N, C-alpha and C. Protein backbone atom coordinates (compact mmCIF):
# COMPACT_ATOMS: atom_id res chain seq x y z
N MET A 1 321.13 24.22 -102.80
CA MET A 1 321.81 23.46 -101.74
C MET A 1 320.85 23.22 -100.59
N LYS A 2 320.72 21.96 -100.14
CA LYS A 2 319.81 21.64 -99.06
C LYS A 2 320.39 22.07 -97.72
N PRO A 3 319.53 22.63 -96.84
CA PRO A 3 320.04 23.02 -95.52
C PRO A 3 320.41 21.80 -94.71
N ALA A 4 321.43 21.97 -93.87
CA ALA A 4 321.90 20.85 -93.01
C ALA A 4 321.05 20.81 -91.75
N PHE A 5 320.65 19.63 -91.36
CA PHE A 5 319.86 19.44 -90.13
C PHE A 5 320.76 18.83 -89.06
N ARG A 6 320.69 19.43 -87.89
CA ARG A 6 321.52 18.95 -86.79
C ARG A 6 320.88 17.74 -86.14
N GLN A 7 321.64 16.74 -85.83
CA GLN A 7 321.16 15.53 -85.18
C GLN A 7 321.55 15.56 -83.70
N GLY A 8 320.58 15.24 -82.77
CA GLY A 8 320.91 15.10 -81.35
C GLY A 8 321.07 16.44 -80.66
N PHE A 9 321.67 16.39 -79.46
CA PHE A 9 321.84 17.58 -78.62
C PHE A 9 323.31 17.76 -78.31
N THR A 10 323.68 19.01 -78.07
CA THR A 10 325.06 19.29 -77.66
C THR A 10 325.20 18.97 -76.17
N LEU A 11 326.41 18.88 -75.69
CA LEU A 11 326.68 18.58 -74.28
C LEU A 11 326.10 19.67 -73.39
N ILE A 12 326.21 20.93 -73.81
CA ILE A 12 325.68 22.03 -72.99
C ILE A 12 324.17 21.92 -72.84
N GLU A 13 323.47 21.56 -73.95
CA GLU A 13 322.02 21.41 -73.89
C GLU A 13 321.62 20.27 -72.95
N LEU A 14 322.34 19.16 -73.00
CA LEU A 14 322.03 18.04 -72.11
C LEU A 14 322.25 18.43 -70.66
N LEU A 15 323.32 19.16 -70.37
CA LEU A 15 323.59 19.59 -69.00
C LEU A 15 322.49 20.53 -68.50
N MET A 16 321.99 21.40 -69.39
CA MET A 16 320.92 22.30 -69.00
C MET A 16 319.64 21.53 -68.66
N VAL A 17 319.31 20.50 -69.45
CA VAL A 17 318.13 19.68 -69.18
C VAL A 17 318.26 18.96 -67.84
N ILE A 18 319.46 18.40 -67.58
CA ILE A 18 319.70 17.70 -66.31
C ILE A 18 319.54 18.66 -65.14
N ALA A 19 320.05 19.89 -65.30
CA ALA A 19 319.95 20.88 -64.22
C ALA A 19 318.50 21.25 -63.95
N ILE A 20 317.70 21.39 -65.00
CA ILE A 20 316.28 21.73 -64.83
C ILE A 20 315.55 20.62 -64.09
N PHE A 21 315.81 19.36 -64.50
CA PHE A 21 315.18 18.23 -63.81
C PHE A 21 315.60 18.17 -62.34
N GLY A 22 316.85 18.51 -62.07
CA GLY A 22 317.32 18.52 -60.69
C GLY A 22 316.61 19.55 -59.85
N LEU A 23 316.38 20.74 -60.41
CA LEU A 23 315.65 21.79 -59.68
C LEU A 23 314.21 21.37 -59.42
N LEU A 24 313.58 20.75 -60.43
CA LEU A 24 312.20 20.30 -60.25
C LEU A 24 312.10 19.23 -59.18
N ALA A 25 313.05 18.30 -59.18
CA ALA A 25 313.04 17.24 -58.17
C ALA A 25 313.26 17.79 -56.77
N ALA A 26 314.16 18.77 -56.65
CA ALA A 26 314.42 19.38 -55.34
C ALA A 26 313.19 20.10 -54.82
N GLY A 27 312.46 20.74 -55.72
CA GLY A 27 311.26 21.45 -55.30
C GLY A 27 310.15 20.51 -54.89
N ALA A 28 310.12 19.32 -55.51
CA ALA A 28 309.06 18.37 -55.19
C ALA A 28 309.35 17.56 -53.94
N MET A 29 310.62 17.49 -53.50
CA MET A 29 310.99 16.64 -52.38
C MET A 29 310.23 16.95 -51.11
N PRO A 30 310.10 18.22 -50.68
CA PRO A 30 309.34 18.47 -49.45
C PRO A 30 307.91 17.96 -49.52
N MET A 31 307.28 18.02 -50.70
CA MET A 31 305.92 17.56 -50.84
C MET A 31 305.84 16.06 -50.56
N PHE A 32 306.79 15.28 -51.11
CA PHE A 32 306.76 13.85 -50.90
C PHE A 32 307.10 13.50 -49.45
N GLN A 33 308.01 14.26 -48.84
CA GLN A 33 308.34 13.99 -47.45
C GLN A 33 307.16 14.27 -46.54
N SER A 34 306.35 15.25 -46.85
CA SER A 34 305.23 15.61 -45.99
C SER A 34 304.02 14.72 -46.20
N MET A 35 304.08 13.80 -47.17
CA MET A 35 302.93 12.93 -47.40
C MET A 35 302.64 12.03 -46.21
N SER A 36 303.65 11.79 -45.33
CA SER A 36 303.45 10.95 -44.17
C SER A 36 303.09 11.77 -42.93
N VAL A 37 302.82 13.06 -43.11
CA VAL A 37 302.49 13.93 -41.99
C VAL A 37 301.12 14.56 -42.21
N SER A 38 300.19 14.30 -41.31
CA SER A 38 298.88 14.95 -41.34
C SER A 38 298.83 16.02 -40.26
N ARG A 39 297.92 16.98 -40.42
CA ARG A 39 297.88 18.10 -39.50
C ARG A 39 296.50 18.36 -38.92
N SER A 40 295.59 17.40 -39.04
CA SER A 40 294.25 17.59 -38.49
C SER A 40 293.66 16.23 -38.18
N VAL A 41 292.55 16.25 -37.43
CA VAL A 41 291.93 14.98 -37.06
C VAL A 41 291.34 14.28 -38.27
N GLU A 42 290.87 15.02 -39.28
CA GLU A 42 290.33 14.39 -40.48
C GLU A 42 291.44 13.73 -41.29
N GLY A 43 292.56 14.44 -41.44
CA GLY A 43 293.70 13.84 -42.13
C GLY A 43 294.20 12.62 -41.40
N GLY A 44 294.22 12.70 -40.07
CA GLY A 44 294.65 11.56 -39.27
C GLY A 44 293.71 10.38 -39.40
N LEU A 45 292.42 10.66 -39.51
CA LEU A 45 291.44 9.59 -39.68
C LEU A 45 291.71 8.80 -40.94
N TYR A 46 291.96 9.48 -42.05
CA TYR A 46 292.21 8.78 -43.31
C TYR A 46 293.52 7.99 -43.25
N ASP A 47 294.55 8.57 -42.61
CA ASP A 47 295.81 7.85 -42.46
C ASP A 47 295.62 6.60 -41.60
N LEU A 48 294.86 6.73 -40.53
CA LEU A 48 294.63 5.60 -39.63
C LEU A 48 293.83 4.51 -40.33
N GLN A 49 292.78 4.88 -41.05
CA GLN A 49 292.01 3.89 -41.81
C GLN A 49 292.91 3.13 -42.79
N GLY A 50 293.70 3.87 -43.52
CA GLY A 50 294.59 3.24 -44.51
C GLY A 50 295.59 2.30 -43.86
N LEU A 51 296.14 2.70 -42.72
CA LEU A 51 297.13 1.86 -42.05
C LEU A 51 296.49 0.57 -41.52
N LEU A 52 295.31 0.68 -40.93
CA LEU A 52 294.64 -0.50 -40.42
C LEU A 52 294.26 -1.48 -41.54
N GLU A 53 293.74 -0.95 -42.64
CA GLU A 53 293.36 -1.81 -43.76
C GLU A 53 294.59 -2.47 -44.38
N TYR A 54 295.69 -1.73 -44.45
CA TYR A 54 296.94 -2.30 -44.98
C TYR A 54 297.45 -3.41 -44.08
N ALA A 55 297.43 -3.17 -42.76
CA ALA A 55 297.93 -4.17 -41.81
C ALA A 55 297.11 -5.46 -41.90
N ARG A 56 295.79 -5.32 -42.00
CA ARG A 56 294.94 -6.52 -42.09
C ARG A 56 295.22 -7.28 -43.38
N SER A 57 295.35 -6.55 -44.49
CA SER A 57 295.59 -7.23 -45.77
C SER A 57 296.93 -7.95 -45.77
N GLU A 58 297.95 -7.36 -45.14
CA GLU A 58 299.26 -8.01 -45.05
C GLU A 58 299.19 -9.26 -44.18
N ALA A 59 298.45 -9.17 -43.07
CA ALA A 59 298.33 -10.33 -42.18
C ALA A 59 297.67 -11.51 -42.89
N VAL A 60 296.61 -11.24 -43.62
CA VAL A 60 295.90 -12.31 -44.32
C VAL A 60 296.70 -12.83 -45.51
N ALA A 61 297.25 -11.92 -46.30
CA ALA A 61 297.98 -12.34 -47.51
C ALA A 61 299.23 -13.14 -47.17
N LYS A 62 299.94 -12.74 -46.11
CA LYS A 62 301.19 -13.41 -45.75
C LYS A 62 301.01 -14.43 -44.64
N GLN A 63 299.73 -14.60 -44.20
CA GLN A 63 299.44 -15.54 -43.11
C GLN A 63 300.40 -15.30 -41.94
N SER A 64 300.42 -14.04 -41.51
CA SER A 64 301.33 -13.60 -40.46
C SER A 64 300.60 -12.75 -39.44
N TYR A 65 301.20 -12.61 -38.29
CA TYR A 65 300.71 -11.65 -37.30
C TYR A 65 301.30 -10.28 -37.61
N VAL A 66 300.46 -9.26 -37.58
CA VAL A 66 300.90 -7.89 -37.85
C VAL A 66 300.43 -6.99 -36.73
N TRP A 67 301.34 -6.18 -36.23
CA TRP A 67 301.00 -5.23 -35.16
C TRP A 67 300.94 -3.82 -35.72
N VAL A 68 299.99 -3.04 -35.21
CA VAL A 68 299.94 -1.61 -35.51
C VAL A 68 300.17 -0.89 -34.19
N GLY A 69 301.23 -0.09 -34.13
CA GLY A 69 301.62 0.58 -32.90
C GLY A 69 301.35 2.06 -32.92
N PHE A 70 301.15 2.64 -31.74
CA PHE A 70 300.79 4.06 -31.60
C PHE A 70 301.55 4.67 -30.42
N GLU A 71 301.83 5.96 -30.54
CA GLU A 71 302.45 6.67 -29.43
C GLU A 71 302.03 8.14 -29.46
N ASN A 72 301.46 8.62 -28.35
CA ASN A 72 301.20 10.04 -28.18
C ASN A 72 302.49 10.73 -27.77
N THR A 73 302.90 11.74 -28.53
CA THR A 73 304.12 12.47 -28.21
C THR A 73 303.84 13.97 -28.24
N THR A 74 304.82 14.74 -27.84
CA THR A 74 304.75 16.20 -27.92
C THR A 74 305.98 16.70 -28.66
N THR A 75 305.76 17.51 -29.69
CA THR A 75 306.84 18.07 -30.48
C THR A 75 306.67 19.59 -30.57
N GLU A 76 307.65 20.32 -30.07
CA GLU A 76 307.63 21.79 -30.12
C GLU A 76 306.33 22.35 -29.54
N GLY A 77 305.88 21.75 -28.44
CA GLY A 77 304.70 22.26 -27.75
C GLY A 77 303.37 21.84 -28.34
N ARG A 78 303.37 20.97 -29.32
CA ARG A 78 302.11 20.51 -29.90
C ARG A 78 302.01 18.99 -29.80
N ASP A 79 300.77 18.52 -29.67
CA ASP A 79 300.55 17.07 -29.61
C ASP A 79 300.81 16.46 -30.98
N GLU A 80 301.27 15.21 -30.95
CA GLU A 80 301.54 14.49 -32.19
C GLU A 80 301.34 13.00 -31.94
N LEU A 81 300.52 12.37 -32.78
CA LEU A 81 300.33 10.92 -32.71
C LEU A 81 301.20 10.27 -33.78
N VAL A 82 302.00 9.30 -33.35
CA VAL A 82 302.89 8.58 -34.26
C VAL A 82 302.41 7.14 -34.36
N MET A 83 302.41 6.57 -35.57
CA MET A 83 301.92 5.20 -35.74
C MET A 83 302.62 4.52 -36.91
N SER A 84 302.64 3.18 -36.85
CA SER A 84 303.25 2.40 -37.92
C SER A 84 302.83 0.94 -37.75
N ALA A 85 303.11 0.11 -38.75
CA ALA A 85 302.82 -1.32 -38.70
C ALA A 85 304.12 -2.10 -38.74
N ALA A 86 304.11 -3.28 -38.08
CA ALA A 86 305.33 -4.08 -38.01
C ALA A 86 304.95 -5.56 -37.92
N MET A 87 305.93 -6.41 -38.22
CA MET A 87 305.75 -7.86 -38.10
C MET A 87 307.09 -8.51 -37.84
N LEU A 88 307.07 -9.76 -37.38
CA LEU A 88 308.29 -10.53 -37.19
C LEU A 88 308.69 -11.17 -38.52
N PRO A 89 309.99 -11.39 -38.75
CA PRO A 89 310.44 -11.94 -40.03
C PRO A 89 309.78 -13.27 -40.40
N ASP A 90 309.50 -14.13 -39.39
CA ASP A 90 308.89 -15.42 -39.69
C ASP A 90 307.37 -15.40 -39.63
N GLY A 91 306.78 -14.22 -39.36
CA GLY A 91 305.32 -14.09 -39.36
C GLY A 91 304.66 -14.61 -38.11
N SER A 92 305.43 -15.04 -37.13
CA SER A 92 304.85 -15.63 -35.92
C SER A 92 304.42 -14.54 -34.94
N ALA A 93 303.85 -14.98 -33.81
CA ALA A 93 303.40 -14.05 -32.78
C ALA A 93 304.40 -13.91 -31.66
N GLN A 94 305.45 -14.72 -31.67
CA GLN A 94 306.44 -14.72 -30.60
C GLN A 94 307.80 -14.33 -31.15
N GLY A 95 308.49 -13.47 -30.44
CA GLY A 95 309.82 -13.06 -30.86
C GLY A 95 310.04 -11.58 -30.62
N ALA A 96 311.29 -11.13 -30.83
CA ALA A 96 311.63 -9.75 -30.51
C ALA A 96 312.17 -8.97 -31.71
N ASP A 97 312.49 -9.65 -32.79
CA ASP A 97 313.11 -8.98 -33.94
C ASP A 97 312.04 -8.39 -34.85
N MET A 98 311.33 -7.38 -34.33
CA MET A 98 310.24 -6.77 -35.08
C MET A 98 310.76 -5.92 -36.24
N LYS A 99 310.04 -5.97 -37.36
CA LYS A 99 310.44 -5.22 -38.56
C LYS A 99 309.29 -4.35 -39.02
N GLY A 100 309.54 -3.07 -39.22
CA GLY A 100 308.52 -2.16 -39.73
C GLY A 100 308.14 -2.51 -41.15
N ILE A 101 306.85 -2.50 -41.46
CA ILE A 101 306.40 -2.80 -42.83
C ILE A 101 305.64 -1.62 -43.43
N SER A 102 305.63 -0.50 -42.74
CA SER A 102 305.01 0.72 -43.28
C SER A 102 305.85 1.91 -42.88
N ARG A 103 305.60 3.04 -43.52
CA ARG A 103 306.31 4.24 -43.11
C ARG A 103 305.81 4.68 -41.73
N LEU A 104 306.59 5.50 -41.08
CA LEU A 104 306.19 6.08 -39.81
C LEU A 104 305.29 7.28 -40.11
N ILE A 105 304.06 7.24 -39.59
CA ILE A 105 303.08 8.29 -39.87
C ILE A 105 302.96 9.19 -38.66
N ARG A 106 303.05 10.48 -38.88
CA ARG A 106 302.93 11.46 -37.81
C ARG A 106 301.69 12.33 -38.05
N ILE A 107 300.84 12.40 -37.04
CA ILE A 107 299.62 13.21 -37.15
C ILE A 107 299.75 14.35 -36.15
N ARG A 108 300.02 15.53 -36.66
CA ARG A 108 300.26 16.68 -35.80
C ARG A 108 298.95 17.27 -35.28
N ASN A 109 299.04 17.82 -34.08
CA ASN A 109 297.89 18.46 -33.43
C ASN A 109 296.75 17.47 -33.18
N VAL A 110 297.11 16.20 -32.97
CA VAL A 110 296.12 15.16 -32.72
C VAL A 110 296.66 14.23 -31.62
N GLU A 111 295.77 13.79 -30.74
CA GLU A 111 296.13 12.80 -29.73
C GLU A 111 295.13 11.66 -29.77
N MET A 112 295.59 10.46 -29.40
CA MET A 112 294.70 9.33 -29.25
C MET A 112 294.15 9.32 -27.83
N ILE A 113 292.85 9.11 -27.71
CA ILE A 113 292.20 9.15 -26.40
C ILE A 113 291.37 7.88 -26.20
N PRO A 114 291.09 7.50 -24.96
CA PRO A 114 290.21 6.35 -24.73
C PRO A 114 288.77 6.69 -25.05
N TRP A 115 287.97 5.66 -25.27
CA TRP A 115 286.55 5.81 -25.62
C TRP A 115 285.80 6.66 -24.60
N THR A 116 286.13 6.51 -23.33
CA THR A 116 285.40 7.21 -22.27
C THR A 116 285.59 8.72 -22.32
N GLN A 117 286.63 9.21 -23.02
CA GLN A 117 286.86 10.65 -23.12
C GLN A 117 286.21 11.27 -24.35
N LEU A 118 285.61 10.45 -25.20
CA LEU A 118 284.93 10.98 -26.38
C LEU A 118 283.67 11.74 -25.98
N THR A 119 283.27 12.64 -26.84
CA THR A 119 282.01 13.36 -26.63
C THR A 119 280.84 12.37 -26.62
N PRO A 120 279.85 12.57 -25.75
CA PRO A 120 278.68 11.67 -25.73
C PRO A 120 277.96 11.60 -27.07
N GLU A 121 278.09 12.63 -27.89
CA GLU A 121 277.44 12.62 -29.21
C GLU A 121 277.91 11.43 -30.04
N ILE A 122 279.16 11.02 -29.87
CA ILE A 122 279.67 9.85 -30.58
C ILE A 122 279.38 8.58 -29.80
N ARG A 123 279.67 8.59 -28.52
CA ARG A 123 279.52 7.36 -27.71
C ARG A 123 278.08 6.85 -27.68
N ASN A 124 277.12 7.77 -27.68
CA ASN A 124 275.72 7.35 -27.59
C ASN A 124 275.21 6.69 -28.87
N ARG A 125 275.98 6.76 -29.95
CA ARG A 125 275.54 6.13 -31.20
C ARG A 125 276.01 4.69 -31.32
N PHE A 126 276.74 4.21 -30.31
CA PHE A 126 277.22 2.83 -30.35
C PHE A 126 276.72 2.09 -29.11
N PRO A 127 276.02 0.98 -29.28
CA PRO A 127 275.51 0.24 -28.12
C PRO A 127 276.63 -0.53 -27.42
N GLY A 128 276.89 -0.19 -26.19
CA GLY A 128 277.95 -0.87 -25.47
C GLY A 128 279.20 -0.02 -25.39
N GLU A 129 280.25 -0.60 -24.83
CA GLU A 129 281.51 0.11 -24.67
C GLU A 129 282.66 -0.75 -25.17
N PRO A 130 283.31 -0.35 -26.26
CA PRO A 130 284.43 -1.14 -26.79
C PRO A 130 285.66 -0.99 -25.91
N VAL A 131 286.64 -1.85 -26.13
CA VAL A 131 287.93 -1.71 -25.43
C VAL A 131 288.81 -0.78 -26.26
N SER A 132 289.55 0.09 -25.58
CA SER A 132 290.35 1.11 -26.26
C SER A 132 291.81 0.70 -26.37
N VAL A 133 292.42 1.06 -27.49
CA VAL A 133 293.86 0.86 -27.63
C VAL A 133 294.60 1.77 -26.66
N GLN A 134 294.17 3.02 -26.57
CA GLN A 134 294.81 3.96 -25.67
C GLN A 134 294.59 3.55 -24.21
N GLY A 135 295.68 3.35 -23.50
CA GLY A 135 295.59 2.92 -22.12
C GLY A 135 295.58 1.41 -21.95
N ASN A 136 295.62 0.68 -23.06
CA ASN A 136 295.60 -0.78 -22.98
C ASN A 136 296.95 -1.30 -22.47
N SER A 137 296.90 -2.25 -21.56
CA SER A 137 298.12 -2.82 -21.00
C SER A 137 298.41 -4.22 -21.54
N ARG A 138 297.55 -4.73 -22.44
CA ARG A 138 297.74 -6.09 -22.96
C ARG A 138 298.56 -6.12 -24.25
N GLY A 139 298.74 -4.96 -24.90
CA GLY A 139 299.49 -4.93 -26.14
C GLY A 139 300.98 -5.03 -25.90
N ARG A 140 301.74 -4.99 -26.98
CA ARG A 140 303.18 -5.03 -26.85
C ARG A 140 303.78 -3.77 -27.43
N SER A 141 304.90 -3.36 -26.89
CA SER A 141 305.61 -2.19 -27.39
C SER A 141 306.44 -2.61 -28.60
N ILE A 142 306.35 -1.83 -29.67
CA ILE A 142 307.14 -2.13 -30.86
C ILE A 142 308.01 -0.92 -31.20
N THR A 143 309.11 -1.18 -31.89
CA THR A 143 310.03 -0.12 -32.27
C THR A 143 310.20 -0.14 -33.78
N VAL A 144 309.96 1.02 -34.40
CA VAL A 144 310.15 1.18 -35.84
C VAL A 144 311.20 2.27 -36.03
N GLY A 145 312.35 1.90 -36.56
CA GLY A 145 313.46 2.84 -36.62
C GLY A 145 313.91 3.17 -35.20
N SER A 146 313.91 4.45 -34.88
CA SER A 146 314.27 4.88 -33.53
C SER A 146 313.04 5.22 -32.69
N GLN A 147 311.85 5.01 -33.25
CA GLN A 147 310.61 5.39 -32.59
C GLN A 147 309.98 4.20 -31.86
N THR A 148 309.74 4.34 -30.57
CA THR A 148 309.04 3.33 -29.80
C THR A 148 307.56 3.64 -29.77
N LEU A 149 306.75 2.65 -30.04
CA LEU A 149 305.29 2.77 -30.05
C LEU A 149 304.75 1.86 -28.95
N SER A 150 304.29 2.45 -27.86
CA SER A 150 303.99 1.66 -26.66
C SER A 150 302.59 1.08 -26.64
N GLN A 151 301.67 1.57 -27.46
CA GLN A 151 300.31 1.04 -27.54
C GLN A 151 300.15 0.31 -28.88
N SER A 152 299.42 -0.82 -28.87
CA SER A 152 299.31 -1.56 -30.12
C SER A 152 298.07 -2.44 -30.13
N LEU A 153 297.71 -2.86 -31.34
CA LEU A 153 296.72 -3.93 -31.54
C LEU A 153 297.32 -4.93 -32.51
N THR A 154 296.74 -6.13 -32.54
CA THR A 154 297.33 -7.23 -33.29
C THR A 154 296.33 -7.79 -34.30
N PHE A 155 296.76 -7.89 -35.56
CA PHE A 155 295.98 -8.58 -36.59
C PHE A 155 296.51 -10.00 -36.72
N THR A 156 295.61 -10.97 -36.78
CA THR A 156 296.00 -12.37 -36.90
C THR A 156 295.98 -12.80 -38.38
N PRO A 157 296.55 -13.96 -38.70
CA PRO A 157 296.51 -14.45 -40.08
C PRO A 157 295.10 -14.67 -40.61
N GLN A 158 294.12 -14.80 -39.73
CA GLN A 158 292.72 -14.98 -40.15
C GLN A 158 292.00 -13.65 -40.34
N GLY A 159 292.66 -12.53 -40.04
CA GLY A 159 292.05 -11.22 -40.20
C GLY A 159 291.33 -10.72 -38.96
N SER A 160 291.31 -11.51 -37.88
CA SER A 160 290.70 -11.03 -36.64
C SER A 160 291.67 -10.10 -35.91
N VAL A 161 291.15 -9.40 -34.89
CA VAL A 161 291.94 -8.36 -34.22
C VAL A 161 291.80 -8.51 -32.72
N MET A 162 292.90 -8.23 -32.02
CA MET A 162 292.89 -8.31 -30.56
C MET A 162 293.89 -7.34 -29.98
N LEU A 163 293.73 -7.04 -28.70
CA LEU A 163 294.68 -6.18 -28.02
C LEU A 163 295.85 -6.96 -27.44
N ALA A 164 295.71 -8.28 -27.29
CA ALA A 164 296.80 -9.10 -26.77
C ALA A 164 298.03 -8.97 -27.66
N GLY A 165 299.17 -8.63 -27.06
CA GLY A 165 300.37 -8.38 -27.85
C GLY A 165 301.12 -9.62 -28.26
N THR A 166 301.01 -10.70 -27.49
CA THR A 166 301.69 -11.95 -27.83
C THR A 166 300.66 -13.09 -27.78
N PRO A 167 299.76 -13.13 -28.75
CA PRO A 167 298.68 -14.12 -28.72
C PRO A 167 299.16 -15.51 -29.12
N ASN A 168 298.33 -16.49 -28.81
CA ASN A 168 298.53 -17.84 -29.34
C ASN A 168 297.23 -18.29 -30.00
N SER A 169 297.18 -19.52 -30.43
CA SER A 169 296.02 -20.00 -31.17
C SER A 169 294.74 -20.01 -30.33
N ASN A 170 294.88 -19.95 -29.01
CA ASN A 170 293.71 -19.98 -28.15
C ASN A 170 293.30 -18.60 -27.63
N THR A 171 294.03 -17.56 -28.01
CA THR A 171 293.72 -16.21 -27.54
C THR A 171 292.48 -15.69 -28.27
N PRO A 172 291.43 -15.31 -27.55
CA PRO A 172 290.22 -14.82 -28.23
C PRO A 172 290.40 -13.40 -28.74
N TYR A 173 289.69 -13.09 -29.81
CA TYR A 173 289.72 -11.71 -30.31
C TYR A 173 288.80 -10.85 -29.43
N ASP A 174 289.03 -9.54 -29.48
CA ASP A 174 288.16 -8.60 -28.77
C ASP A 174 286.98 -8.25 -29.68
N LEU A 175 285.78 -8.17 -29.11
CA LEU A 175 284.58 -7.94 -29.93
C LEU A 175 284.66 -6.64 -30.71
N TRP A 176 284.96 -5.54 -30.02
CA TRP A 176 285.09 -4.23 -30.66
C TRP A 176 286.27 -3.50 -30.05
N ILE A 177 287.12 -2.95 -30.90
CA ILE A 177 288.31 -2.22 -30.45
C ILE A 177 288.20 -0.78 -30.91
N ASP A 178 288.45 0.13 -29.99
CA ASP A 178 288.28 1.56 -30.25
C ASP A 178 289.62 2.25 -30.46
N LEU A 179 289.66 3.10 -31.51
CA LEU A 179 290.78 4.02 -31.74
C LEU A 179 290.16 5.40 -31.94
N SER A 180 290.23 6.23 -30.91
CA SER A 180 289.60 7.56 -30.95
C SER A 180 290.67 8.64 -31.04
N LEU A 181 290.40 9.64 -31.87
CA LEU A 181 291.34 10.75 -32.08
C LEU A 181 290.67 12.06 -31.71
N ARG A 182 291.47 12.97 -31.16
CA ARG A 182 290.97 14.30 -30.82
C ARG A 182 291.99 15.34 -31.27
N GLU A 183 291.50 16.37 -31.93
CA GLU A 183 292.37 17.44 -32.39
C GLU A 183 292.65 18.42 -31.26
N THR A 184 293.88 18.93 -31.22
CA THR A 184 294.28 19.89 -30.18
C THR A 184 295.04 21.05 -30.80
N ARG A 185 295.12 22.12 -30.04
CA ARG A 185 295.97 23.27 -30.40
C ARG A 185 296.71 23.71 -29.15
N GLY A 186 298.04 23.66 -29.23
CA GLY A 186 298.83 24.01 -28.06
C GLY A 186 298.57 23.11 -26.88
N GLY A 187 298.20 21.88 -27.14
CA GLY A 187 297.93 20.91 -26.08
C GLY A 187 296.52 20.96 -25.54
N ALA A 188 295.70 21.91 -26.00
CA ALA A 188 294.32 22.03 -25.51
C ALA A 188 293.36 21.42 -26.52
N PRO A 189 292.40 20.59 -26.07
CA PRO A 189 291.45 19.97 -27.01
C PRO A 189 290.54 20.99 -27.66
N ILE A 190 290.12 20.70 -28.90
CA ILE A 190 289.20 21.55 -29.64
C ILE A 190 287.84 20.88 -29.65
N ASN A 191 286.85 21.56 -29.13
CA ASN A 191 285.50 20.99 -29.04
C ASN A 191 284.97 20.62 -30.43
N GLY A 192 284.39 19.43 -30.51
CA GLY A 192 283.78 18.98 -31.76
C GLY A 192 284.73 18.39 -32.76
N ARG A 193 286.04 18.41 -32.46
CA ARG A 193 287.02 17.87 -33.41
C ARG A 193 287.50 16.50 -32.91
N GLU A 194 286.57 15.55 -32.93
CA GLU A 194 286.85 14.19 -32.48
C GLU A 194 286.30 13.19 -33.49
N VAL A 195 286.99 12.07 -33.64
CA VAL A 195 286.51 10.97 -34.48
C VAL A 195 286.86 9.66 -33.78
N ALA A 196 286.18 8.59 -34.16
CA ALA A 196 286.49 7.28 -33.61
C ALA A 196 286.38 6.23 -34.71
N ILE A 197 287.31 5.30 -34.70
CA ILE A 197 287.24 4.11 -35.54
C ILE A 197 287.04 2.92 -34.63
N LEU A 198 285.99 2.14 -34.88
CA LEU A 198 285.76 0.91 -34.16
C LEU A 198 286.09 -0.26 -35.08
N VAL A 199 286.92 -1.16 -34.58
CA VAL A 199 287.36 -2.32 -35.36
C VAL A 199 286.61 -3.54 -34.87
N ASN A 200 285.93 -4.22 -35.78
CA ASN A 200 285.25 -5.47 -35.45
C ASN A 200 286.32 -6.55 -35.25
N GLY A 201 286.42 -7.05 -34.03
CA GLY A 201 287.48 -8.01 -33.73
C GLY A 201 287.39 -9.30 -34.50
N ALA A 202 286.19 -9.69 -34.91
CA ALA A 202 286.02 -10.96 -35.61
C ALA A 202 286.60 -10.94 -37.02
N ASN A 203 286.50 -9.80 -37.70
CA ASN A 203 286.90 -9.76 -39.11
C ASN A 203 287.72 -8.54 -39.51
N GLY A 204 287.95 -7.61 -38.59
CA GLY A 204 288.77 -6.44 -38.90
C GLY A 204 288.06 -5.34 -39.66
N VAL A 205 286.74 -5.46 -39.84
CA VAL A 205 285.97 -4.43 -40.55
C VAL A 205 285.90 -3.16 -39.69
N LEU A 206 286.02 -2.00 -40.34
CA LEU A 206 286.07 -0.72 -39.63
C LEU A 206 284.74 0.01 -39.71
N GLN A 207 284.39 0.68 -38.61
CA GLN A 207 283.26 1.60 -38.59
C GLN A 207 283.77 2.95 -38.09
N VAL A 208 283.38 4.02 -38.79
CA VAL A 208 283.85 5.37 -38.45
C VAL A 208 282.70 6.17 -37.84
N PHE A 209 283.01 6.88 -36.75
CA PHE A 209 282.03 7.74 -36.10
C PHE A 209 282.63 9.15 -36.00
N ARG A 210 281.83 10.14 -36.45
CA ARG A 210 282.25 11.53 -36.40
C ARG A 210 281.20 12.36 -35.64
N VAL A 211 281.60 13.55 -35.23
CA VAL A 211 280.64 14.50 -34.68
C VAL A 211 279.84 15.06 -35.84
N GLU A 212 278.52 15.00 -35.78
CA GLU A 212 277.68 15.46 -36.91
C GLU A 212 277.14 16.86 -36.64
């Protein structure tokens, strides 16, 4: 007599498999949620590079104006830089109905600083003085979700970059735009933990400067 072979799975076995997958997914959820949170100036540098390159590519591909906004905040006694990208639904430079096009990125223990506050070791490697996003009064405030980002730069449909928040076809780009980051602990800066990204206003190309 040939042995009988069972086909398929019983209901109990299927429920057990579903339960196991549920436990695995629950365990993985914090990891995916934390992917938008960096905790050091190096992690923040990579997040900032990625966000700027994404914003430029979206501006050129969709022939739209794209803003990247920033806000220095304090959470539970530690510095935190928040940033995101946004655009208007019609891709224009004028209007108020801004829409976020990237996740909200939080960089803990990091603050954005103006170029003049960087260590001379970085500043002396660049001829001239770029204009800084931090402290700029020409940008526009954007809101992504419930987060207001009061500092910003603007990518144009041609891929150029400027600090002007509501540009028109005659608004010139800025030659070099500075985004400098400094790591802190408990609100106090850490010596040597600074980086700067300089954006070429003509074409949006990035240059990175670190303490060596």
